[in-house]
Amino acid sequence: MARGDDNRTIAYLKTLQPPPQKIDHVVLSHPHRDHVELLPDVVT
């Protein structure tokens, strides 16, 4: 559940070429830890 630069989702997104400047749509299937924990950093 690492936050900030250690957030696995954000770290992956930063490796893409070109890296996304914006995520237009975020979908949360359901609010369980294995689906929501890293989303607050993405939204921010």
All heavy atoms as atom14 arrays in JSON, in Angstrom:
{
  "sequence": "MARGDDNRTIAYLKTLQPPPQKIDHVVLSHPHRDHVELLPDVVT",
  "atom14_mask": [
    [1, 1, 1, 1, 1, 1, 1, 1, 0, 0, 0, 0, 0, 0],
    [1, 1, 1, 1, 1, 0, 0, 0, 0, 0, 0, 0, 0, 0],
    [1, 1, 1, 1, 1, 1, 1, 1, 1, 1, 1, 0, 0, 0],
    [1, 1, 1, 1, 0, 0, 0, 0, 0, 0, 0, 0, 0, 0],
    [1, 1, 1, 1, 1, 1, 1, 1, 0, 0, 0, 0, 0, 0],
    [1, 1, 1, 1, 1, 1, 1, 1, 0, 0, 0, 0, 0, 0],
    [1, 1, 1, 1, 1, 1, 1, 1, 0, 0, 0, 0, 0, 0],
    [1, 1, 1, 1, 1, 1, 1, 1, 1, 1, 1, 0, 0, 0],
    [1, 1, 1, 1, 1, 1, 1, 0, 0, 0, 0, 0, 0, 0],
    [1, 1, 1, 1, 1, 1, 1, 1, 0, 0, 0, 0, 0, 0],
    [1, 1, 1, 1, 1, 0, 0, 0, 0, 0, 0, 0, 0, 0],
    [1, 1, 1, 1, 1, 1, 1, 1, 1, 1, 1, 1, 0, 0],
    [1, 1, 1, 1, 1, 1, 1, 1, 0, 0, 0, 0, 0, 0],
    [1, 1, 1, 1, 1, 1, 1, 1, 1, 0, 0, 0, 0, 0],
    [1, 1, 1, 1, 1, 1, 1, 0, 0, 0, 0, 0, 0, 0],
    [1, 1, 1, 1, 1, 1, 1, 1, 0, 0, 0, 0, 0, 0],
    [1, 1, 1, 1, 1, 1, 1, 1, 1, 0, 0, 0, 0, 0],
    [1, 1, 1, 1, 1, 1, 1, 0, 0, 0, 0, 0, 0, 0],
    [1, 1, 1, 1, 1, 1, 1, 0, 0, 0, 0, 0, 0, 0],
    [1, 1, 1, 1, 1, 1, 1, 0, 0, 0, 0, 0, 0, 0],
    [1, 1, 1, 1, 1, 1, 1, 1, 1, 0, 0, 0, 0, 0],
    [1, 1, 1, 1, 1, 1, 1, 1, 1, 0, 0, 0, 0, 0],
    [1, 1, 1, 1, 1, 1, 1, 1, 0, 0, 0, 0, 0, 0],
    [1, 1, 1, 1, 1, 1, 1, 1, 0, 0, 0, 0, 0, 0],
    [1, 1, 1, 1, 1, 1, 1, 1, 1, 1, 0, 0, 0, 0],
    [1, 1, 1, 1, 1, 1, 1, 0, 0, 0, 0, 0, 0, 0],
    [1, 1, 1, 1, 1, 1, 1, 0, 0, 0, 0, 0, 0, 0],
    [1, 1, 1, 1, 1, 1, 1, 1, 0, 0, 0, 0, 0, 0],
    [1, 1, 1, 1, 1, 1, 0, 0, 0, 0, 0, 0, 0, 0],
    [1, 1, 1, 1, 1, 1, 1, 1, 1, 1, 0, 0, 0, 0],
    [1, 1, 1, 1, 1, 1, 1, 0, 0, 0, 0, 0, 0, 0],
    [1, 1, 1, 1, 1, 1, 1, 1, 1, 1, 0, 0, 0, 0],
    [1, 1, 1, 1, 1, 1, 1, 1, 1, 1, 1, 0, 0, 0],
    [1, 1, 1, 1, 1, 1, 1, 1, 0, 0, 0, 0, 0, 0],
    [1, 1, 1, 1, 1, 1, 1, 1, 1, 1, 0, 0, 0, 0],
    [1, 1, 1, 1, 1, 1, 1, 0, 0, 0, 0, 0, 0, 0],
    [1, 1, 1, 1, 1, 1, 1, 1, 1, 0, 0, 0, 0, 0],
    [1, 1, 1, 1, 1, 1, 1, 1, 0, 0, 0, 0, 0, 0],
    [1, 1, 1, 1, 1, 1, 1, 1, 0, 0, 0, 0, 0, 0],
    [1, 1, 1, 1, 1, 1, 1, 0, 0, 0, 0, 0, 0, 0],
    [1, 1, 1, 1, 1, 1, 1, 1, 0, 0, 0, 0, 0, 0],
    [1, 1, 1, 1, 1, 1, 1, 0, 0, 0, 0, 0, 0, 0],
    [1, 1, 1, 1, 1, 1, 1, 0, 0, 0, 0, 0, 0, 0],
    [1, 1, 1, 1, 1, 1, 1, 0, 0, 0, 0, 0, 0, 0]
  ],
  "atom14_positions": [
    [[0.83, -1.2, 0.0], [0.0, 0.0, 0.0], [0.86, 1.26, 0.0], [0.51, 2.28, 0.56], [-0.95, -0.02, 1.19], [-1.93, -1.16, 1.12], [-3.03, -1.24, 2.53], [-1.92, -1.84, 3.78], [0.0, 0.0, 0.0], [0.0, 0.0, 0.0], [0.0, 0.0, 0.0], [0.0, 0.0, 0.0], [0.0, 0.0, 0.0], [0.0, 0.0, 0.0]],
    [[2.03, 1.18, -0.65], [2.96, 2.3, -0.68], [2.31, 3.52, -1.33], [1.48, 3.39, -2.23], [4.23, 1.91, -1.43], [0.0, 0.0, 0.0], [0.0, 0.0, 0.0], [0.0, 0.0, 0.0], [0.0, 0.0, 0.0], [0.0, 0.0, 0.0], [0.0, 0.0, 0.0], [0.0, 0.0, 0.0], [0.0, 0.0, 0.0], [0.0, 0.0, 0.0]],
    [[2.7, 4.66, -0.88], [2.14, 5.91, -1.38], [3.2, 6.71, -2.13], [4.38, 6.42, -2.06], [1.6, 6.74, -0.22], [0.49, 6.08, 0.57], [-0.81, 6.08, -0.25], [-1.91, 5.49, 0.5], [-2.43, 4.32, 0.23], [-1.98, 3.61, -0.76], [-3.43, 3.86, 0.94], [0.0, 0.0, 0.0], [0.0, 0.0, 0.0], [0.0, 0.0, 0.0]],
    [[2.74, 7.73, -2.82], [3.65, 8.65, -3.5], [4.47, 7.95, -4.57], [3.94, 7.17, -5.36], [0.0, 0.0, 0.0], [0.0, 0.0, 0.0], [0.0, 0.0, 0.0], [0.0, 0.0, 0.0], [0.0, 0.0, 0.0], [0.0, 0.0, 0.0], [0.0, 0.0, 0.0], [0.0, 0.0, 0.0], [0.0, 0.0, 0.0], [0.0, 0.0, 0.0]],
    [[5.77, 8.23, -4.6], [6.64, 7.67, -5.63], [6.77, 6.16, -5.55], [7.2, 5.52, -6.5], [8.04, 8.3, -5.55], [8.04, 9.76, -5.98], [7.1, 10.17, -6.71], [8.97, 10.49, -5.59], [0.0, 0.0, 0.0], [0.0, 0.0, 0.0], [0.0, 0.0, 0.0], [0.0, 0.0, 0.0], [0.0, 0.0, 0.0], [0.0, 0.0, 0.0]],
    [[6.42, 5.57, -4.41], [6.5, 4.12, -4.25], [5.21, 3.41, -4.63], [5.13, 2.19, -4.56], [6.87, 3.77, -2.8], [8.27, 4.22, -2.46], [9.14, 4.2, -3.34], [8.49, 4.6, -1.29], [0.0, 0.0, 0.0], [0.0, 0.0, 0.0], [0.0, 0.0, 0.0], [0.0, 0.0, 0.0], [0.0, 0.0, 0.0], [0.0, 0.0, 0.0]],
    [[4.19, 4.17, -5.02], [2.92, 3.6, -5.47], [3.18, 2.83, -6.76], [3.65, 3.41, -7.75], [1.94, 4.75, -5.68], [0.59, 4.33, -6.2], [0.48, 3.5, -7.1], [-0.44, 4.94, -5.67], [0.0, 0.0, 0.0], [0.0, 0.0, 0.0], [0.0, 0.0, 0.0], [0.0, 0.0, 0.0], [0.0, 0.0, 0.0], [0.0, 0.0, 0.0]],
    [[2.92, 1.53, -6.77], [3.25, 0.68, -7.93], [2.53, 1.11, -9.2], [3.09, 1.02, -10.29], [2.91, -0.78, -7.63], [3.83, -1.45, -6.68], [3.44, -2.9, -6.56], [4.29, -3.59, -5.61], [4.31, -4.89, -5.46], [3.52, -5.66, -6.18], [5.11, -5.45, -4.58], [0.0, 0.0, 0.0], [0.0, 0.0, 0.0], [0.0, 0.0, 0.0]],
    [[1.29, 1.53, -9.09], [0.56, 1.95, -10.28], [1.19, 3.19, -10.88], [1.45, 3.26, -12.09], [-0.93, 2.19, -9.95], [-1.5, 0.98, -9.47], [-1.69, 2.66, -11.18], [0.0, 0.0, 0.0], [0.0, 0.0, 0.0], [0.0, 0.0, 0.0], [0.0, 0.0, 0.0], [0.0, 0.0, 0.0], [0.0, 0.0, 0.0], [0.0, 0.0, 0.0]],
    [[1.45, 4.18, -10.06], [2.06, 5.42, -10.56], [3.46, 5.15, -11.09], [3.83, 5.68, -12.14], [2.03, 6.51, -9.49], [0.58, 6.93, -9.27], [2.91, 7.69, -9.87], [0.34, 8.01, -8.28], [0.0, 0.0, 0.0], [0.0, 0.0, 0.0], [0.0, 0.0, 0.0], [0.0, 0.0, 0.0], [0.0, 0.0, 0.0], [0.0, 0.0, 0.0]],
    [[4.23, 4.34, -10.41], [5.58, 4.0, -10.89], [5.5, 3.38, -12.29], [6.29, 3.73, -13.17], [6.27, 3.05, -9.92], [0.0, 0.0, 0.0], [0.0, 0.0, 0.0], [0.0, 0.0, 0.0], [0.0, 0.0, 0.0], [0.0, 0.0, 0.0], [0.0, 0.0, 0.0], [0.0, 0.0, 0.0], [0.0, 0.0, 0.0], [0.0, 0.0, 0.0]],
    [[4.55, 2.49, -12.5], [4.39, 1.87, -13.82], [3.99, 2.92, -14.86], [4.55, 2.96, -15.96], [3.34, 0.76, -13.78], [3.15, 0.11, -15.12], [3.97, -0.93, -15.53], [2.17, 0.56, -16.01], [3.83, -1.51, -16.78], [2.01, -0.02, -17.25], [2.84, -1.05, -17.64], [2.7, -1.61, -18.88], [0.0, 0.0, 0.0], [0.0, 0.0, 0.0]],
    [[3.03, 3.77, -14.53], [2.57, 4.78, -15.48], [3.71, 5.69, -15.92], [3.78, 6.1, -17.08], [1.43, 5.6, -14.88], [0.14, 4.84, -14.59], [-0.85, 5.73, -13.84], [-0.49, 4.3, -15.87], [0.0, 0.0, 0.0], [0.0, 0.0, 0.0], [0.0, 0.0, 0.0], [0.0, 0.0, 0.0], [0.0, 0.0, 0.0], [0.0, 0.0, 0.0]],
    [[4.63, 5.98, -15.01], [5.77, 6.85, -15.34], [6.76, 6.18, -16.28], [7.56, 6.86, -16.91], [6.48, 7.29, -14.07], [5.67, 8.29, -13.26], [6.42, 8.72, -12.01], [5.67, 9.77, -11.23], [6.42, 10.19, -10.03], [0.0, 0.0, 0.0], [0.0, 0.0, 0.0], [0.0, 0.0, 0.0], [0.0, 0.0, 0.0], [0.0, 0.0, 0.0]],
    [[6.71, 4.84, -16.41], [7.64, 4.15, -17.32], [7.13, 4.12, -18.75], [7.88, 3.81, -19.66], [7.89, 2.69, -16.88], [6.7, 1.92, -17.05], [8.39, 2.63, -15.45], [0.0, 0.0, 0.0], [0.0, 0.0, 0.0], [0.0, 0.0, 0.0], [0.0, 0.0, 0.0], [0.0, 0.0, 0.0], [0.0, 0.0, 0.0], [0.0, 0.0, 0.0]],
    [[5.85, 4.42, -18.96], [5.28, 4.35, -20.3], [5.84, 5.45, -21.18], [6.17, 6.54, -20.72], [3.75, 4.46, -20.23], [3.04, 3.35, -19.46], [1.55, 3.64, -19.39], [3.3, 2.01, -20.12], [0.0, 0.0, 0.0], [0.0, 0.0, 0.0], [0.0, 0.0, 0.0], [0.0, 0.0, 0.0], [0.0, 0.0, 0.0], [0.0, 0.0, 0.0]],
    [[5.89, 5.17, -22.47], [6.35, 6.17, -23.44], [5.29, 6.39, -24.49], [4.94, 5.45, -25.2], [7.66, 5.71, -24.09], [8.82, 5.64, -23.13], [9.09, 6.97, -22.43], [9.05, 8.02, -23.06], [9.34, 6.92, -21.14], [0.0, 0.0, 0.0], [0.0, 0.0, 0.0], [0.0, 0.0, 0.0], [0.0, 0.0, 0.0], [0.0, 0.0, 0.0]],
    [[4.75, 7.55, -24.6], [4.94, 8.66, -23.68], [4.14, 8.41, -22.4], [3.08, 7.78, -22.44], [4.39, 9.87, -24.43], [3.34, 9.3, -25.32], [3.82, 7.92, -25.69], [0.0, 0.0, 0.0], [0.0, 0.0, 0.0], [0.0, 0.0, 0.0], [0.0, 0.0, 0.0], [0.0, 0.0, 0.0], [0.0, 0.0, 0.0], [0.0, 0.0, 0.0]],
    [[4.64, 8.93, -21.27], [3.88, 8.75, -20.03], [2.58, 9.55, -20.09], [2.54, 10.62, -20.71], [4.82, 9.3, -18.95], [5.79, 10.15, -19.66], [5.88, 9.65, -21.07], [0.0, 0.0, 0.0], [0.0, 0.0, 0.0], [0.0, 0.0, 0.0], [0.0, 0.0, 0.0], [0.0, 0.0, 0.0], [0.0, 0.0, 0.0], [0.0, 0.0, 0.0]],
    [[1.52, 9.03, -19.52], [0.26, 9.77, -19.57], [0.37, 11.08, -18.77], [0.95, 11.1, -17.69], [-0.76, 8.83, -18.93], [0.03, 7.84, -18.16], [1.39, 7.77, -18.79], [0.0, 0.0, 0.0], [0.0, 0.0, 0.0], [0.0, 0.0, 0.0], [0.0, 0.0, 0.0], [0.0, 0.0, 0.0], [0.0, 0.0, 0.0], [0.0, 0.0, 0.0]],
    [[-0.16, 12.13, -19.35], [-0.21, 13.42, -18.66], [-1.51, 13.53, -17.87], [-1.59, 14.31, -16.94], [-0.12, 14.57, -19.67], [1.17, 14.55, -20.47], [2.39, 14.64, -19.58], [2.51, 15.54, -18.76], [3.3, 13.68, -19.73], [0.0, 0.0, 0.0], [0.0, 0.0, 0.0], [0.0, 0.0, 0.0], [0.0, 0.0, 0.0], [0.0, 0.0, 0.0]],
    [[-2.49, 12.76, -18.3], [-3.8, 12.79, -17.66], [-4.42, 11.4, -17.76], [-4.22, 10.69, -18.73], [-4.7, 13.81, -18.37], [-6.08, 13.93, -17.75], [-6.75, 15.21, -18.22], [-8.17, 15.34, -17.76], [-8.39, 15.4, -16.36], [0.0, 0.0, 0.0], [0.0, 0.0, 0.0], [0.0, 0.0, 0.0], [0.0, 0.0, 0.0], [0.0, 0.0, 0.0]],
    [[-5.14, 11.03, -16.74], [-6.0, 9.85, -16.78], [-7.41, 10.42, -16.87], [-7.87, 11.08, -15.96], [-5.85, 8.96, -15.53], [-4.41, 8.5, -15.34], [-6.82, 7.79, -15.58], [-3.9, 7.54, -16.39], [0.0, 0.0, 0.0], [0.0, 0.0, 0.0], [0.0, 0.0, 0.0], [0.0, 0.0, 0.0], [0.0, 0.0, 0.0], [0.0, 0.0, 0.0]],
    [[-8.06, 10.2, -17.99], [-9.38, 10.81, -18.22], [-10.47, 10.17, -17.39], [-11.36, 10.86, -16.9], [-9.74, 10.7, -19.71], [-8.71, 11.37, -20.58], [-8.64, 12.61, -20.54], [-7.97, 10.66, -21.28], [0.0, 0.0, 0.0], [0.0, 0.0, 0.0], [0.0, 0.0, 0.0], [0.0, 0.0, 0.0], [0.0, 0.0, 0.0], [0.0, 0.0, 0.0]],
    [[-10.41, 8.85, -17.25], [-11.48, 8.12, -16.58], [-10.86, 7.14, -15.57], [-9.92, 6.43, -15.89], [-12.31, 7.33, -17.58], [-12.71, 8.12, -18.78], [-13.7, 9.06, -18.75], [-12.21, 8.12, -20.04], [-13.82, 9.61, -19.94], [-12.93, 9.05, -20.74], [0.0, 0.0, 0.0], [0.0, 0.0, 0.0], [0.0, 0.0, 0.0], [0.0, 0.0, 0.0]],
    [[-11.43, 7.11, -14.38], [-11.05, 6.14, -13.37], [-12.3, 5.34, -13.02], [-13.35, 5.92, -12.77], [-10.48, 6.82, -12.1], [-10.39, 5.85, -10.94], [-9.11, 7.42, -12.4], [0.0, 0.0, 0.0], [0.0, 0.0, 0.0], [0.0, 0.0, 0.0], [0.0, 0.0, 0.0], [0.0, 0.0, 0.0], [0.0, 0.0, 0.0], [0.0, 0.0, 0.0]],
    [[-12.16, 4.02, -13.02], [-13.27, 3.14, -12.67], [-12.85, 2.31, -11.46], [-11.8, 1.65, -11.48], [-13.62, 2.18, -13.84], [-14.73, 1.23, -13.43], [-13.98, 2.96, -15.08], [0.0, 0.0, 0.0], [0.0, 0.0, 0.0], [0.0, 0.0, 0.0], [0.0, 0.0, 0.0], [0.0, 0.0, 0.0], [0.0, 0.0, 0.0], [0.0, 0.0, 0.0]],
    [[-13.64, 2.37, -10.4], [-13.44, 1.51, -9.24], [-14.52, 0.45, -9.27], [-15.7, 0.75, -9.12], [-13.51, 2.31, -7.93], [-13.47, 1.47, -6.65], [-12.17, 0.66, -6.56], [-13.65, 2.36, -5.43], [0.0, 0.0, 0.0], [0.0, 0.0, 0.0], [0.0, 0.0, 0.0], [0.0, 0.0, 0.0], [0.0, 0.0, 0.0], [0.0, 0.0, 0.0]],
    [[-14.11, -0.8, -9.44], [-15.09, -1.89, -9.53], [-15.83, -2.08, -8.22], [-17.05, -2.25, -8.22], [-14.41, -3.18, -9.96], [-13.46, -3.59, -8.99], [0.0, 0.0, 0.0], [0.0, 0.0, 0.0], [0.0, 0.0, 0.0], [0.0, 0.0, 0.0], [0.0, 0.0, 0.0], [0.0, 0.0, 0.0], [0.0, 0.0, 0.0], [0.0, 0.0, 0.0]],
    [[-15.1, -2.07, -7.11], [-15.69, -2.18, -5.78], [-14.63, -1.82, -4.75], [-13.44, -1.95, -5.01], [-16.28, -3.58, -5.53], [-15.28, -4.68, -5.61], [-14.78, -5.15, -6.8], [-14.7, -5.4, -4.63], [-13.92, -6.12, -6.55], [-13.85, -6.3, -5.24], [0.0, 0.0, 0.0], [0.0, 0.0, 0.0], [0.0, 0.0, 0.0], [0.0, 0.0, 0.0]],
    [[-15.04, -1.32, -3.59], [-14.09, -0.76, -2.64], [-13.45, -1.77, -1.67], [-13.58, -1.65, -0.46], [-14.93, 0.27, -1.88], [-16.3, -0.31, -1.89], [-16.42, -1.01, -3.2], [0.0, 0.0, 0.0], [0.0, 0.0, 0.0], [0.0, 0.0, 0.0], [0.0, 0.0, 0.0], [0.0, 0.0, 0.0], [0.0, 0.0, 0.0], [0.0, 0.0, 0.0]],
    [[-12.75, -2.73, -2.23], [-11.96, -3.64, -1.4], [-10.5, -3.26, -1.56], [-10.1, -2.69, -2.59], [-12.17, -5.1, -1.82], [-13.51, -5.61, -1.45], [-13.99, -6.82, -1.89], [-14.51, -5.1, -0.68], [-15.21, -7.03, -1.42], [-15.53, -6.0, -0.69], [0.0, 0.0, 0.0], [0.0, 0.0, 0.0], [0.0, 0.0, 0.0], [0.0, 0.0, 0.0]],
    [[-9.69, -3.59, -0.55], [-8.28, -3.17, -0.54], [-7.55, -3.52, -1.83], [-6.74, -2.74, -2.32], [-7.54, -3.84, 0.62], [-7.78, -3.17, 1.94], [-6.95, -3.76, 3.05], [-5.53, -3.66, 2.74], [-4.6, -4.34, 3.37], [-4.92, -5.16, 4.33], [-3.34, -4.19, 3.05], [0.0, 0.0, 0.0], [0.0, 0.0, 0.0], [0.0, 0.0, 0.0]],
    [[-7.8, -4.7, -2.38], [-7.06, -5.11, -3.57], [-7.58, -4.47, -4.85], [-7.15, -4.82, -5.95], [-7.05, -6.64, -3.69], [-8.44, -7.26, -3.74], [-9.4, -6.62, -3.26], [-8.56, -8.38, -4.25], [0.0, 0.0, 0.0], [0.0, 0.0, 0.0], [0.0, 0.0, 0.0], [0.0, 0.0, 0.0], [0.0, 0.0, 0.0], [0.0, 0.0, 0.0]],
    [[-8.45, -3.47, -4.72], [-8.95, -2.73, -5.87], [-8.84, -1.22, -5.7], [-8.83, -0.49, -6.69], [-10.42, -3.11, -6.15], [-10.56, -4.53, -6.57], [-10.6, -4.92, -7.88], [-10.63, -5.66, -5.83], [-10.7, -6.23, -7.94], [-10.72, -6.71, -6.7], [0.0, 0.0, 0.0], [0.0, 0.0, 0.0], [0.0, 0.0, 0.0], [0.0, 0.0, 0.0]],
    [[-8.77, -0.72, -4.46], [-8.87, 0.73, -4.22], [-7.62, 1.37, -3.61], [-7.41, 2.56, -3.77], [-10.1, 1.07, -3.34], [-9.91, 0.63, -1.91], [-10.44, 2.54, -3.42], [0.0, 0.0, 0.0], [0.0, 0.0, 0.0], [0.0, 0.0, 0.0], [0.0, 0.0, 0.0], [0.0, 0.0, 0.0], [0.0, 0.0, 0.0], [0.0, 0.0, 0.0]],
    [[-6.77, 0.64, -2.93], [-5.74, 1.23, -2.08], [-4.8, 2.21, -2.77], [-4.37, 3.18, -2.16], [-4.9, 0.14, -1.41], [-5.62, -0.58, -0.3], [-5.94, 0.27, 0.92], [-5.25, 1.27, 1.18], [-6.89, -0.08, 1.62], [0.0, 0.0, 0.0], [0.0, 0.0, 0.0], [0.0, 0.0, 0.0], [0.0, 0.0, 0.0], [0.0, 0.0, 0.0]],
    [[-4.45, 2.0, -4.03], [-3.5, 2.89, -4.7], [-4.19, 3.99, -5.51], [-3.53, 4.86, -6.07], [-2.57, 2.08, -5.61], [-1.8, 0.96, -4.89], [-0.97, 0.16, -5.89], [-0.92, 1.5, -3.78], [0.0, 0.0, 0.0], [0.0, 0.0, 0.0], [0.0, 0.0, 0.0], [0.0, 0.0, 0.0], [0.0, 0.0, 0.0], [0.0, 0.0, 0.0]],
    [[-5.52, 3.98, -5.56], [-6.25, 4.98, -6.34], [-6.19, 6.41, -5.81], [-6.21, 7.35, -6.62], [-7.72, 4.56, -6.51], [-8.01, 3.65, -7.68], [-9.49, 3.25, -7.68], [-7.62, 4.26, -9.0], [0.0, 0.0, 0.0], [0.0, 0.0, 0.0], [0.0, 0.0, 0.0], [0.0, 0.0, 0.0], [0.0, 0.0, 0.0], [0.0, 0.0, 0.0]],
    [[-6.14, 6.67, -4.51], [-6.1, 8.07, -4.08], [-4.94, 8.86, -4.7], [-5.13, 10.0, -5.14], [-5.96, 7.98, -2.56], [-6.61, 6.68, -2.21], [-6.26, 5.77, -3.36], [0.0, 0.0, 0.0], [0.0, 0.0, 0.0], [0.0, 0.0, 0.0], [0.0, 0.0, 0.0], [0.0, 0.0, 0.0], [0.0, 0.0, 0.0], [0.0, 0.0, 0.0]],
    [[-3.76, 8.27, -4.78], [-2.63, 8.95, -5.41], [-2.88, 9.21, -6.88], [-2.49, 10.25, -7.42], [-1.35, 8.13, -5.27], [-0.74, 8.17, -3.88], [-1.11, 9.06, -3.09], [0.1, 7.3, -3.58], [0.0, 0.0, 0.0], [0.0, 0.0, 0.0], [0.0, 0.0, 0.0], [0.0, 0.0, 0.0], [0.0, 0.0, 0.0], [0.0, 0.0, 0.0]],
    [[-3.5, 8.25, -7.56], [-3.8, 8.41, -8.99], [-4.75, 9.59, -9.2], [-4.52, 10.44, -10.06], [-4.4, 7.12, -9.58], [-4.9, 7.34, -11.0], [-3.38, 5.98, -9.54], [0.0, 0.0, 0.0], [0.0, 0.0, 0.0], [0.0, 0.0, 0.0], [0.0, 0.0, 0.0], [0.0, 0.0, 0.0], [0.0, 0.0, 0.0], [0.0, 0.0, 0.0]],
    [[-5.8, 9.65, -8.39], [-6.77, 10.74, -8.51], [-6.1, 12.08, -8.22], [-6.31, 13.06, -8.94], [-7.98, 10.5, -7.57], [-8.87, 11.72, -7.49], [-8.77, 9.29, -8.05], [0.0, 0.0, 0.0], [0.0, 0.0, 0.0], [0.0, 0.0, 0.0], [0.0, 0.0, 0.0], [0.0, 0.0, 0.0], [0.0, 0.0, 0.0], [0.0, 0.0, 0.0]],
    [[-5.28, 12.12, -7.2], [-4.6, 13.37, -6.84], [-3.63, 13.83, -7.92], [-3.59, 15.01, -8.27], [-3.85, 13.19, -5.49], [-4.81, 12.86, -4.49], [-3.1, 14.44, -5.11], [0.0, 0.0, 0.0], [0.0, 0.0, 0.0], [0.0, 0.0, 0.0], [0.0, 0.0, 0.0], [0.0, 0.0, 0.0], [0.0, 0.0, 0.0], [0.0, 0.0, 0.0]]
  ]
}
